[in-house]
Amino acid sequence: MYEKEQGNFFWGRKQLWRGIRRNYCLYLFLLPAVVFIGVFCYAPMYGVLMAFQDYSPAKGILGSPWVGLKWFRTFFDLPRFWQIVKNTLVVSLYSLAVGFPIPILLALMINSVKSTRFKKLTQTVTYMPHFISTVILVGMMSVFLSPRSGFLNHLIAMLGGPDGLHYMGNAAAFPHLYVWSGIWQNMGWSSIIYLAALSGVDQELHEAAMVDGASKLKRIIHIDLPAIIPTMVILLIMNAGSIMSVGYEKVYLMQNDLNVTTAEVISTYVYKIGLKQQQYSWPKGFTLLGYQKVFEDSRIWTGYGNTLIYTICGTALGTFFTMMAGYALSRKNLPFRSLLMAYFVFTMYFGGGLIPFYMVIKKLQLTNTRTLMVLLGAVGVYNLIITRSFMESNIPEELRDAARVDGCGNGRFFFKIALPLSKAIMAVLVLYLAVSYWDSYFNPMIFLTDRSKYPLALYLREILLTAATGAANSMTTDADAARKLQTMVQVIKYGVIIVSTLPIFCVYPFLQKYFVKGVMIGSIKG
């Protein structure tokens, strides 16, 4: 009996090594993504030890003395500790309570529309705000809610609300502005995965319910809603796991001296305490000459050039690496496939934090380099998941088996067959990565000190800030001149919004067909 079990053990090992050798090309496809996630996601986790040390850059993590919970006690003893924690919880729970059900309702409504043309129009309109950068979104909020010229401010006053209230500087309004602007921007994008789940509902169930006299509302409640409950539970668990991790980019942009009592959250506080010394100084002067002046500003063209470099190179690199890794993970007979998938998914829930991440980049001597701007964001776990799911759904095993019989290896199959059949998911990756690189501003703000390497988003933020600062510091006492100055500020802000968003909006209609198809098919099993 023992000899039989031992023989089976060695036979199993032989089969395993034979499978690894046969699929060596797939492991080579996975190598760039594995290294990327290891360096930029797992390596910063080691820096969590800094929280328990009196860290010294000269001594490093291994040489710095341990101080136990000293820094935790210091943080807990801060006068603002409970206020910061409260702000973080309020924003997170508010976003979860309101932002979670709205995409579900939107998906159910879109799915119930019979007109295909109207359905596509609705999807396009609701998806497009997702591609507006955070910098531009906050700029739009500043323009639309301006106390003097903001049309939303005037609309609120017409409906009986306060007239001339500075909402962006109102501490009580901050959570509402943060949450509802996020819902407007992301509800269409977040509804895609629910639409993908609803597309798998058997239509015969609806036909049988209609025969029994069920109304559309009852069919939604008793057929559509139960079909997406598993997806809802998974996404709710994922969202609940990040309650204490409010994104610092949008919060940081919306913060000012007037609303900081409700706008300071843990992530922005950590950034200010740990990395504030790396922040650059904004320029002081700006002549307000409207749209023409925006385009005459040399910073715009420098930013456009840098952003094009980062976007083109990063998108090409990210798409290629993600397609290779997604194809490898879609092969169900790949040894250690589940372990590799867990390696990637783990980073969606756990991270090292901003400061350890910065320390890793500095240790690699990648700060203030264009290489870093191209590498950051090239490989994303969510992109890997939808790419893997798309290839599992659209490249049948029978096709792979037939190619293998004809002597076609994994590498040749990927380039000759898999890629041509994956245009839809490639369009998704190209658009998603391009928007991410085009809109990126926080990583460049942290890691770049050479102004000649700044992307467009950083220069646009400078222009927005300097325009507002120039108007605020104006010493004119002429009411007419002051009004013209404020009008010019709004013109500049509108010009900046158009300059930033127009390229993406011009590209999106050409990729929309493949984009929607790719995301929906890739989300069914994701």
Protein backbone atom coordinates (compact mmCIF):
# COMPACT_ATOMS: atom_id res chain seq x y z
CA MET A 1 0.00 0.00 0.00
CA TYR A 2 2.84 2.37 0.95
CA GLU A 3 4.71 1.59 -2.27
CA LYS A 4 1.56 2.35 -4.30
CA GLU A 5 1.06 5.74 -2.59
CA GLN A 6 4.75 6.54 -3.03
CA GLY A 7 4.51 5.67 -6.71
CA ASN A 8 1.47 7.91 -7.13
CA PHE A 9 3.33 10.76 -5.38
CA PHE A 10 6.31 10.56 -7.72
CA TRP A 11 4.00 10.12 -10.71
CA GLY A 12 2.14 13.26 -9.65
CA ARG A 13 5.39 15.18 -9.35
CA LYS A 14 6.48 14.04 -12.79
CA GLN A 15 3.16 15.16 -14.25
CA LEU A 16 3.51 18.53 -12.52
CA TRP A 17 7.00 19.20 -13.82
CA ARG A 18 5.98 18.01 -17.27
CA GLY A 19 3.09 20.50 -17.19
CA ILE A 20 5.41 23.30 -16.09
CA ARG A 21 7.91 22.56 -18.86
CA ARG A 22 5.13 22.33 -21.45
CA ASN A 23 3.73 25.70 -20.38
CA TYR A 24 7.01 27.56 -19.86
CA CYS A 25 5.92 30.17 -22.41
CA LEU A 26 2.86 31.01 -20.28
CA TYR A 27 5.07 31.60 -17.25
CA LEU A 28 7.19 33.95 -19.36
CA PHE A 29 3.98 35.79 -20.27
CA LEU A 30 3.20 36.12 -16.56
CA LEU A 31 6.69 37.23 -15.54
CA PRO A 32 6.34 41.00 -16.26
CA ALA A 33 3.04 41.23 -14.35
CA VAL A 34 4.39 39.17 -11.44
CA VAL A 35 7.50 41.36 -11.17
CA PHE A 36 5.46 44.56 -11.47
CA ILE A 37 3.01 43.56 -8.72
CA GLY A 38 5.89 42.32 -6.57
CA VAL A 39 7.85 45.56 -6.82
CA PHE A 40 5.03 48.13 -6.66
CA CYS A 41 2.50 46.29 -4.46
CA TYR A 42 4.23 43.70 -2.29
CA ALA A 43 7.54 45.48 -1.65
CA PRO A 44 5.85 48.49 0.05
CA MET A 45 4.11 46.10 2.47
CA TYR A 46 7.50 45.52 4.06
CA GLY A 47 7.51 49.21 4.96
CA VAL A 48 4.60 48.67 7.36
CA LEU A 49 7.29 47.78 9.90
CA MET A 50 8.20 51.48 9.97
CA ALA A 51 5.10 52.08 12.08
CA PHE A 52 6.75 50.13 14.92
CA GLN A 53 10.21 51.71 14.61
CA ASP A 54 11.99 54.98 15.20
CA TYR A 55 12.80 54.93 11.51
CA SER A 56 16.02 56.46 10.23
CA PRO A 57 16.75 56.58 6.48
CA ALA A 58 20.45 56.15 7.22
CA LYS A 59 19.90 52.93 9.19
CA GLY A 60 17.08 51.54 7.08
CA ILE A 61 14.26 49.30 8.25
CA LEU A 62 16.53 46.52 9.51
CA GLY A 63 18.79 48.87 11.46
CA SER A 64 16.21 51.25 12.97
CA PRO A 65 15.33 50.65 16.65
CA TRP A 66 11.94 49.21 17.58
CA VAL A 67 9.62 51.43 19.61
CA GLY A 68 6.52 49.24 19.75
CA LEU A 69 3.25 51.16 19.71
CA LYS A 70 4.82 54.57 20.37
CA TRP A 71 3.65 56.16 17.11
CA PHE A 72 0.16 54.70 17.47
CA ARG A 73 -0.14 56.25 20.93
CA THR A 74 1.18 59.54 19.53
CA PHE A 75 -1.46 59.48 16.80
CA PHE A 76 -4.22 58.54 19.26
CA ASP A 77 -3.22 61.41 21.54
CA LEU A 78 -3.54 64.02 18.79
CA PRO A 79 -6.25 66.62 19.49
CA ARG A 80 -7.57 66.08 15.95
CA PHE A 81 -7.43 62.24 16.06
CA TRP A 82 -11.13 61.61 16.60
CA GLN A 83 -12.08 64.33 14.13
CA ILE A 84 -9.88 62.77 11.42
CA VAL A 85 -11.23 59.28 12.08
CA LYS A 86 -14.79 60.63 12.12
CA ASN A 87 -14.27 62.42 8.80
CA THR A 88 -12.86 59.25 7.25
CA LEU A 89 -15.78 57.12 8.46
CA VAL A 90 -18.40 59.71 7.47
CA VAL A 91 -17.10 59.99 3.90
CA SER A 92 -16.60 56.22 3.53
CA LEU A 93 -19.93 55.12 4.98
CA TYR A 94 -21.80 57.89 3.18
CA SER A 95 -20.20 56.84 -0.13
CA LEU A 96 -21.03 53.19 0.53
CA ALA A 97 -24.62 53.80 1.65
CA VAL A 98 -25.51 56.03 -1.31
CA GLY A 99 -23.00 55.02 -3.96
CA PHE A 100 -23.55 51.26 -3.75
CA PRO A 101 -27.29 51.00 -4.61
CA ILE A 102 -27.45 53.71 -7.28
CA PRO A 103 -25.45 51.78 -9.95
CA ILE A 104 -27.69 48.78 -9.26
CA LEU A 105 -30.83 50.86 -9.86
CA LEU A 106 -29.28 52.36 -13.00
CA ALA A 107 -28.40 48.91 -14.35
CA LEU A 108 -31.93 47.62 -13.68
CA MET A 109 -33.45 50.63 -15.44
CA ILE A 110 -31.14 50.38 -18.47
CA ASN A 111 -31.79 46.64 -18.71
CA SER A 112 -35.56 47.27 -18.72
CA VAL A 113 -35.45 49.70 -21.65
CA LYS A 114 -36.68 48.12 -24.88
CA SER A 115 -35.24 50.67 -27.31
CA THR A 116 -31.70 49.60 -28.22
CA ARG A 117 -30.82 53.07 -29.50
CA PHE A 118 -31.98 54.79 -26.32
CA LYS A 119 -30.18 52.17 -24.20
CA LYS A 120 -26.87 52.81 -26.01
CA LEU A 121 -27.34 56.57 -25.69
CA THR A 122 -27.97 56.24 -21.95
CA GLN A 123 -24.91 54.03 -21.51
CA THR A 124 -22.71 56.49 -23.40
CA VAL A 125 -23.93 59.48 -21.40
CA THR A 126 -23.50 57.73 -18.05
CA TYR A 127 -20.10 56.19 -18.88
CA MET A 128 -18.39 59.33 -20.15
CA PRO A 129 -18.07 61.19 -16.80
CA HIS A 130 -15.84 58.34 -15.61
CA PHE A 131 -13.17 59.53 -18.06
CA ILE A 132 -12.99 63.04 -16.61
CA SER A 133 -9.87 63.49 -14.52
CA THR A 134 -10.06 64.25 -10.80
CA VAL A 135 -8.35 67.60 -11.34
CA ILE A 136 -10.90 68.64 -13.95
CA LEU A 137 -13.82 67.32 -11.90
CA VAL A 138 -12.84 69.48 -8.93
CA GLY A 139 -12.28 72.40 -11.31
CA MET A 140 -15.79 71.91 -12.73
CA MET A 141 -17.22 71.87 -9.22
CA SER A 142 -15.40 75.11 -8.45
CA VAL A 143 -16.77 76.75 -11.59
CA PHE A 144 -20.35 75.46 -11.34
CA LEU A 145 -20.60 76.26 -7.61
CA SER A 146 -18.92 79.65 -7.79
CA PRO A 147 -20.76 82.11 -5.46
CA ARG A 148 -20.88 84.76 -8.19
CA SER A 149 -21.15 83.01 -11.55
CA GLY A 150 -21.80 79.33 -10.88
CA PHE A 151 -25.00 78.18 -12.60
CA LEU A 152 -25.61 75.47 -9.98
CA ASN A 153 -25.37 78.09 -7.27
CA HIS A 154 -27.89 80.26 -9.08
CA LEU A 155 -30.17 77.25 -9.66
CA ILE A 156 -30.11 76.40 -5.95
CA ALA A 157 -30.99 80.01 -5.13
CA MET A 158 -33.89 79.92 -7.62
CA LEU A 159 -35.22 76.80 -5.91
CA GLY A 160 -35.25 78.53 -2.53
CA GLY A 161 -31.75 77.72 -1.31
CA PRO A 162 -29.15 80.17 0.01
CA ASP A 163 -27.91 82.74 -2.48
CA GLY A 164 -24.18 83.33 -2.95
CA LEU A 165 -23.05 80.57 -0.57
CA HIS A 166 -19.46 79.38 -1.10
CA TYR A 167 -20.18 75.63 -1.16
CA MET A 168 -16.57 74.61 -1.88
CA GLY A 169 -15.53 76.39 1.30
CA ASN A 170 -18.42 75.18 3.42
CA ALA A 171 -17.36 72.48 5.90
CA ALA A 172 -20.88 71.06 6.22
CA ALA A 173 -21.23 70.74 2.43
CA PHE A 174 -17.94 68.88 1.87
CA PRO A 175 -19.18 65.29 2.46
CA HIS A 176 -22.20 65.86 0.21
CA LEU A 177 -20.12 67.39 -2.58
CA TYR A 178 -17.52 64.61 -2.35
CA VAL A 179 -20.03 61.77 -2.39
CA TRP A 180 -22.51 63.02 -4.98
CA SER A 181 -19.84 64.20 -7.42
CA GLY A 182 -18.33 60.72 -7.15
CA ILE A 183 -21.72 59.14 -7.84
CA TRP A 184 -22.23 61.32 -10.91
CA GLN A 185 -18.78 60.41 -12.18
CA ASN A 186 -18.79 56.66 -11.52
CA MET A 187 -22.36 55.35 -11.43
CA GLY A 188 -22.36 54.50 -15.15
CA TRP A 189 -19.02 52.73 -14.95
CA SER A 190 -20.05 50.83 -11.81
CA SER A 191 -23.28 49.66 -13.45
CA ILE A 192 -21.42 47.75 -16.18
CA ILE A 193 -20.76 44.67 -14.08
CA TYR A 194 -24.45 44.48 -13.08
CA LEU A 195 -25.49 44.83 -16.72
CA ALA A 196 -23.12 41.97 -17.52
CA ALA A 197 -24.79 39.80 -14.87
CA LEU A 198 -28.26 40.78 -16.09
CA SER A 199 -27.36 39.82 -19.66
CA GLY A 200 -27.08 36.22 -18.44
CA VAL A 201 -30.68 36.07 -17.18
CA ASP A 202 -32.77 33.55 -19.11
CA GLN A 203 -35.39 35.47 -21.09
CA GLU A 204 -37.76 32.52 -20.85
CA LEU A 205 -38.24 33.42 -17.18
CA HIS A 206 -39.51 36.86 -18.18
CA GLU A 207 -41.78 35.38 -20.85
CA ALA A 208 -43.28 32.91 -18.36
CA ALA A 209 -43.80 35.68 -15.81
CA MET A 210 -45.53 37.86 -18.43
CA VAL A 211 -47.87 35.00 -19.27
CA ASP A 212 -48.77 34.81 -15.58
CA GLY A 213 -49.56 38.54 -15.59
CA ALA A 214 -46.47 39.82 -13.76
CA SER A 215 -45.80 43.53 -14.21
CA LYS A 216 -42.37 44.91 -15.17
CA LEU A 217 -41.73 45.96 -11.56
CA LYS A 218 -42.53 42.48 -10.24
CA ARG A 219 -40.29 40.88 -12.88
CA ILE A 220 -37.44 43.16 -11.81
CA ILE A 221 -37.96 42.31 -8.13
CA HIS A 222 -38.43 38.54 -8.53
CA ILE A 223 -36.23 37.74 -11.55
CA ASP A 224 -33.58 40.39 -12.26
CA LEU A 225 -32.73 41.34 -8.69
CA PRO A 226 -32.13 37.76 -7.44
CA ALA A 227 -29.91 37.13 -10.47
CA ILE A 228 -27.47 39.87 -9.47
CA ILE A 229 -27.47 39.26 -5.70
CA PRO A 230 -24.23 37.18 -5.81
CA THR A 231 -22.50 39.99 -7.70
CA MET A 232 -23.90 42.54 -5.26
CA VAL A 233 -22.60 40.59 -2.25
CA ILE A 234 -19.11 40.24 -3.71
CA LEU A 235 -18.85 43.94 -4.57
CA LEU A 236 -20.29 44.96 -1.19
CA ILE A 237 -17.62 42.90 0.60
CA MET A 238 -14.90 44.45 -1.59
CA ASN A 239 -16.16 47.98 -0.95
CA ALA A 240 -16.62 47.40 2.78
CA GLY A 241 -13.00 46.25 3.02
CA SER A 242 -11.78 49.73 2.05
CA ILE A 243 -13.87 51.79 4.49
CA MET A 244 -10.79 53.26 6.18
CA SER A 245 -8.97 53.86 2.88
CA VAL A 246 -10.55 57.00 1.44
CA GLY A 247 -8.69 58.04 -1.70
CA TYR A 248 -6.50 61.06 -1.02
CA GLU A 249 -6.42 62.54 -4.53
CA LYS A 250 -9.91 64.00 -4.73
CA VAL A 251 -10.07 64.85 -1.02
CA TYR A 252 -6.75 66.67 -1.22
CA LEU A 253 -7.88 68.72 -4.22
CA MET A 254 -11.15 69.71 -2.54
CA GLN A 255 -9.50 70.72 0.74
CA ASN A 256 -9.06 74.35 1.72
CA ASP A 257 -8.69 76.34 4.92
CA LEU A 258 -12.46 76.80 5.20
CA ASN A 259 -13.54 73.15 5.00
CA VAL A 260 -10.53 71.34 6.50
CA THR A 261 -12.45 70.51 9.68
CA THR A 262 -14.54 67.97 7.74
CA ALA A 263 -12.20 67.38 4.78
CA GLU A 264 -9.12 66.09 6.62
CA VAL A 265 -9.08 62.28 6.44
CA ILE A 266 -6.43 59.74 7.45
CA SER A 267 -4.90 59.40 3.99
CA THR A 268 -4.41 63.15 3.45
CA TYR A 269 -3.09 63.56 6.99
CA VAL A 270 -0.49 60.82 6.38
CA TYR A 271 0.52 62.50 3.11
CA LYS A 272 0.96 65.90 4.75
CA ILE A 273 2.93 64.52 7.69
CA GLY A 274 5.09 62.06 5.76
CA LEU A 275 5.69 63.59 2.33
CA LYS A 276 4.81 67.29 2.54
CA GLN A 277 8.48 68.24 2.22
CA GLN A 278 8.44 66.91 -1.36
CA GLN A 279 5.67 69.27 -2.45
CA TYR A 280 6.68 71.96 -4.93
CA SER A 281 5.86 75.68 -4.77
CA TRP A 282 3.21 77.10 -7.05
CA PRO A 283 4.03 80.10 -9.27
CA LYS A 284 2.79 83.48 -8.03
CA GLY A 285 1.73 85.50 -11.07
CA PHE A 286 -0.69 84.96 -13.94
CA THR A 287 -2.11 87.33 -16.53
CA LEU A 288 -5.77 86.63 -17.21
CA LEU A 289 -6.34 86.71 -20.97
CA GLY A 290 -8.93 83.94 -21.43
CA TYR A 291 -8.71 80.90 -23.68
CA GLN A 292 -6.04 82.43 -25.86
CA LYS A 293 -3.76 82.86 -22.88
CA VAL A 294 -4.29 79.24 -21.85
CA PHE A 295 -2.99 78.04 -25.21
CA GLU A 296 -0.22 80.62 -25.31
CA ASP A 297 1.08 79.33 -21.98
CA SER A 298 4.16 77.23 -22.77
CA ARG A 299 3.36 74.98 -19.83
CA ILE A 300 0.34 73.62 -21.73
CA TRP A 301 2.43 72.41 -24.66
CA THR A 302 5.16 71.01 -22.41
CA GLY A 303 2.50 69.17 -20.44
CA TYR A 304 0.84 67.90 -23.62
CA GLY A 305 4.15 66.53 -24.88
CA ASN A 306 4.99 64.78 -21.62
CA THR A 307 1.47 63.42 -21.21
CA LEU A 308 1.49 62.02 -24.75
CA ILE A 309 4.78 60.26 -24.03
CA TYR A 310 3.53 58.80 -20.75
CA THR A 311 0.14 57.86 -22.22
CA ILE A 312 1.35 56.22 -25.42
CA CYS A 313 4.26 54.32 -23.86
CA GLY A 314 2.39 53.36 -20.70
CA THR A 315 -0.75 52.28 -22.56
CA ALA A 316 1.22 50.16 -25.06
CA LEU A 317 3.31 48.56 -22.31
CA GLY A 318 0.35 47.98 -19.99
CA THR A 319 -1.87 46.53 -22.73
CA PHE A 320 0.84 44.12 -23.88
CA PHE A 321 1.74 42.92 -20.38
CA THR A 322 -1.92 42.59 -19.33
CA MET A 323 -2.89 40.67 -22.46
CA MET A 324 0.00 38.23 -21.97
CA ALA A 325 -0.76 37.68 -18.28
CA GLY A 326 -4.53 37.46 -18.85
CA TYR A 327 -4.04 34.84 -21.57
CA ALA A 328 -1.76 32.77 -19.33
CA LEU A 329 -4.22 32.92 -16.42
CA SER A 330 -7.09 31.89 -18.71
CA ARG A 331 -5.44 28.51 -19.33
CA LYS A 332 -7.17 26.22 -16.87
CA ASN A 333 -4.50 23.51 -17.12
CA LEU A 334 -1.72 25.89 -16.07
CA PRO A 335 0.03 24.51 -12.93
CA PHE A 336 -0.24 26.85 -9.91
CA ARG A 337 -2.89 28.92 -11.71
CA SER A 338 -4.98 29.41 -8.56
CA LEU A 339 -1.91 30.37 -6.53
CA LEU A 340 -0.86 32.95 -9.11
CA MET A 341 -4.38 34.39 -9.18
CA ALA A 342 -4.37 34.68 -5.40
CA TYR A 343 -0.98 36.46 -5.65
CA PHE A 344 -2.57 39.18 -7.76
CA VAL A 345 -5.95 39.45 -6.00
CA PHE A 346 -4.36 39.80 -2.55
CA THR A 347 -3.06 43.26 -3.49
CA MET A 348 -6.62 44.48 -4.09
CA TYR A 349 -7.29 44.23 -0.34
CA PHE A 350 -3.93 44.91 1.28
CA GLY A 351 -1.20 47.46 0.61
CA GLY A 352 1.83 48.98 2.26
CA GLY A 353 0.60 52.58 2.25
CA LEU A 354 1.82 55.80 0.69
CA ILE A 355 5.02 56.34 2.67
CA PRO A 356 6.45 52.78 2.24
CA PHE A 357 5.54 53.00 -1.45
CA TYR A 358 7.50 56.24 -1.73
CA MET A 359 10.46 54.67 0.07
CA VAL A 360 10.51 51.73 -2.38
CA ILE A 361 10.50 54.08 -5.38
CA LYS A 362 13.29 56.15 -3.85
CA LYS A 363 15.31 53.02 -3.10
CA LEU A 364 15.03 51.97 -6.74
CA GLN A 365 16.27 55.46 -7.77
CA LEU A 366 13.24 56.00 -9.98
CA THR A 367 12.13 59.33 -8.51
CA ASN A 368 12.03 62.24 -10.96
CA THR A 369 12.25 59.94 -14.01
CA ARG A 370 10.00 59.51 -17.00
CA THR A 371 10.49 55.75 -16.70
CA LEU A 372 8.55 55.74 -13.43
CA MET A 373 5.69 57.72 -14.97
CA VAL A 374 5.39 55.07 -17.69
CA LEU A 375 5.65 52.09 -15.33
CA LEU A 376 3.23 53.27 -12.63
CA GLY A 377 -0.23 51.95 -13.43
CA ALA A 378 0.85 49.78 -16.34
CA VAL A 379 -0.47 46.56 -14.74
CA GLY A 380 -3.70 46.57 -12.75
CA VAL A 381 -5.31 43.57 -11.07
CA TYR A 382 -8.81 44.55 -12.20
CA ASN A 383 -7.59 44.70 -15.80
CA LEU A 384 -6.01 41.26 -15.40
CA ILE A 385 -9.28 39.81 -14.10
CA ILE A 386 -11.49 41.11 -16.91
CA THR A 387 -8.88 40.10 -19.52
CA ARG A 388 -8.68 36.57 -18.11
CA SER A 389 -12.48 36.31 -17.99
CA PHE A 390 -12.84 37.59 -21.55
CA MET A 391 -10.38 35.04 -22.92
CA GLU A 392 -12.01 32.21 -20.97
CA SER A 393 -15.38 33.17 -22.48
CA ASN A 394 -14.32 33.89 -26.07
CA ILE A 395 -11.44 31.52 -26.83
CA PRO A 396 -12.81 27.95 -26.60
CA GLU A 397 -10.66 25.07 -25.41
CA GLU A 398 -11.50 23.17 -28.60
CA LEU A 399 -9.71 25.84 -30.63
CA ARG A 400 -6.63 25.56 -28.41
CA ASP A 401 -6.67 21.76 -28.62
CA ALA A 402 -6.95 21.88 -32.42
CA ALA A 403 -4.04 24.31 -32.64
CA ARG A 404 -1.95 22.10 -30.34
CA VAL A 405 -2.61 19.05 -32.56
CA ASP A 406 -1.33 21.07 -35.53
CA GLY A 407 1.88 21.79 -33.62
CA CYS A 408 1.03 25.37 -32.58
CA GLY A 409 2.69 26.33 -29.29
CA ASN A 410 1.41 28.72 -26.66
CA GLY A 411 3.38 31.69 -27.94
CA ARG A 412 2.31 31.28 -31.54
CA PHE A 413 -1.31 30.66 -30.53
CA PHE A 414 -1.31 33.86 -28.49
CA PHE A 415 0.03 36.09 -31.25
CA LYS A 416 -1.70 34.44 -34.23
CA ILE A 417 -5.10 33.49 -32.80
CA ALA A 418 -5.77 34.87 -29.30
CA LEU A 419 -4.85 38.50 -30.00
CA PRO A 420 -6.94 38.84 -33.21
CA LEU A 421 -9.94 37.41 -31.32
CA SER A 422 -9.48 39.82 -28.42
CA LYS A 423 -9.94 43.21 -30.06
CA ALA A 424 -12.82 44.09 -27.73
CA ILE A 425 -10.87 43.59 -24.51
CA MET A 426 -7.82 45.30 -26.05
CA ALA A 427 -10.01 48.35 -26.74
CA VAL A 428 -11.10 48.29 -23.10
CA LEU A 429 -7.51 48.17 -21.88
CA VAL A 430 -6.33 50.88 -24.28
CA LEU A 431 -9.10 53.28 -23.29
CA TYR A 432 -8.89 52.54 -19.58
CA LEU A 433 -5.09 52.81 -19.42
CA ALA A 434 -4.98 55.87 -21.68
CA VAL A 435 -7.49 57.71 -19.47
CA SER A 436 -5.57 56.70 -16.36
CA TYR A 437 -2.27 58.03 -17.71
CA TRP A 438 -3.85 61.14 -19.25
CA ASP A 439 -5.54 62.12 -15.98
CA SER A 440 -2.72 61.16 -13.59
CA TYR A 441 -1.54 63.98 -11.37
CA PHE A 442 -0.91 62.72 -7.82
CA ASN A 443 1.98 60.35 -8.55
CA PRO A 444 3.72 62.98 -10.72
CA MET A 445 3.19 65.54 -7.96
CA ILE A 446 4.90 63.25 -5.46
CA PHE A 447 7.72 61.81 -7.55
CA LEU A 448 8.61 64.56 -10.07
CA THR A 449 10.65 67.62 -9.16
CA ASP A 450 11.83 68.57 -12.67
CA ARG A 451 9.15 70.86 -14.12
CA SER A 452 10.16 69.92 -17.67
CA LYS A 453 8.77 66.43 -16.95
CA TYR A 454 5.41 67.52 -15.55
CA PRO A 455 2.31 66.03 -17.27
CA LEU A 456 -0.61 68.13 -18.45
CA ALA A 457 -2.71 67.48 -15.33
CA LEU A 458 -0.17 69.17 -13.05
CA TYR A 459 0.10 72.24 -15.26
CA LEU A 460 -3.68 72.48 -15.53
CA ARG A 461 -3.94 72.43 -11.75
CA GLU A 462 -1.36 75.22 -11.58
CA ILE A 463 -3.36 77.30 -14.03
CA LEU A 464 -6.59 76.74 -12.09
CA LEU A 465 -4.93 77.69 -8.82
CA THR A 466 -3.02 80.68 -10.15
CA ALA A 467 -6.10 82.06 -11.92
CA ALA A 468 -8.12 81.87 -8.72
CA THR A 469 -5.24 83.26 -6.65
CA GLY A 470 -4.72 86.14 -9.07
CA ALA A 471 -8.37 87.12 -8.80
CA ALA A 472 -8.42 86.79 -5.03
CA ASN A 473 -5.30 88.95 -4.63
CA SER A 474 -6.51 91.65 -6.98
CA MET A 475 -6.37 95.08 -5.29
CA THR A 476 -8.83 96.81 -7.61
CA THR A 477 -11.66 98.79 -6.02
CA ASP A 478 -13.60 99.25 -9.27
CA ALA A 479 -16.68 97.02 -9.10
CA ASP A 480 -16.90 96.73 -12.90
CA ALA A 481 -13.21 95.78 -13.18
CA ALA A 482 -13.57 93.23 -10.39
CA ARG A 483 -16.58 91.69 -12.14
CA LYS A 484 -14.68 91.44 -15.44
CA LEU A 485 -11.75 89.87 -13.60
CA GLN A 486 -14.01 87.21 -12.07
CA THR A 487 -15.56 86.55 -15.48
CA MET A 488 -12.13 86.06 -16.99
CA VAL A 489 -11.24 83.59 -14.24
CA GLN A 490 -14.30 81.50 -15.12
CA VAL A 491 -13.41 81.66 -18.83
CA ILE A 492 -9.93 80.36 -18.05
CA LYS A 493 -11.35 77.53 -15.94
CA TYR A 494 -13.76 76.52 -18.70
CA GLY A 495 -10.89 76.62 -21.19
CA VAL A 496 -8.78 74.37 -18.96
CA ILE A 497 -11.66 71.87 -18.68
CA ILE A 498 -12.03 71.70 -22.47
CA VAL A 499 -8.27 71.44 -23.07
CA SER A 500 -8.04 68.43 -20.75
CA THR A 501 -11.18 66.46 -21.60
CA LEU A 502 -11.60 67.05 -25.35
CA PRO A 503 -8.93 64.54 -26.53
CA ILE A 504 -10.45 61.68 -24.49
CA PHE A 505 -14.01 62.54 -25.58
CA CYS A 506 -12.86 62.57 -29.22
CA VAL A 507 -11.36 59.08 -28.92
CA TYR A 508 -14.14 57.46 -26.89
CA PRO A 509 -16.87 57.27 -29.61
CA PHE A 510 -14.56 55.26 -31.89
CA LEU A 511 -13.82 52.71 -29.15
CA GLN A 512 -17.25 52.62 -27.53
CA LYS A 513 -18.49 49.58 -29.47
CA TYR A 514 -15.55 47.42 -28.43
CA PHE A 515 -15.33 49.00 -24.99
CA VAL A 516 -18.85 48.11 -23.84
CA LYS A 517 -18.67 44.61 -25.31
CA GLY A 518 -15.27 43.91 -23.79
CA VAL A 519 -16.10 45.12 -20.29
CA MET A 520 -19.45 43.32 -20.16
CA ILE A 521 -18.11 39.98 -21.38
CA GLY A 522 -15.04 40.30 -19.18
CA SER A 523 -17.16 41.06 -16.12
CA ILE A 524 -19.48 38.03 -16.25
CA LYS A 525 -16.99 35.66 -14.66
CA GLY A 526 -14.72 38.26 -13.04
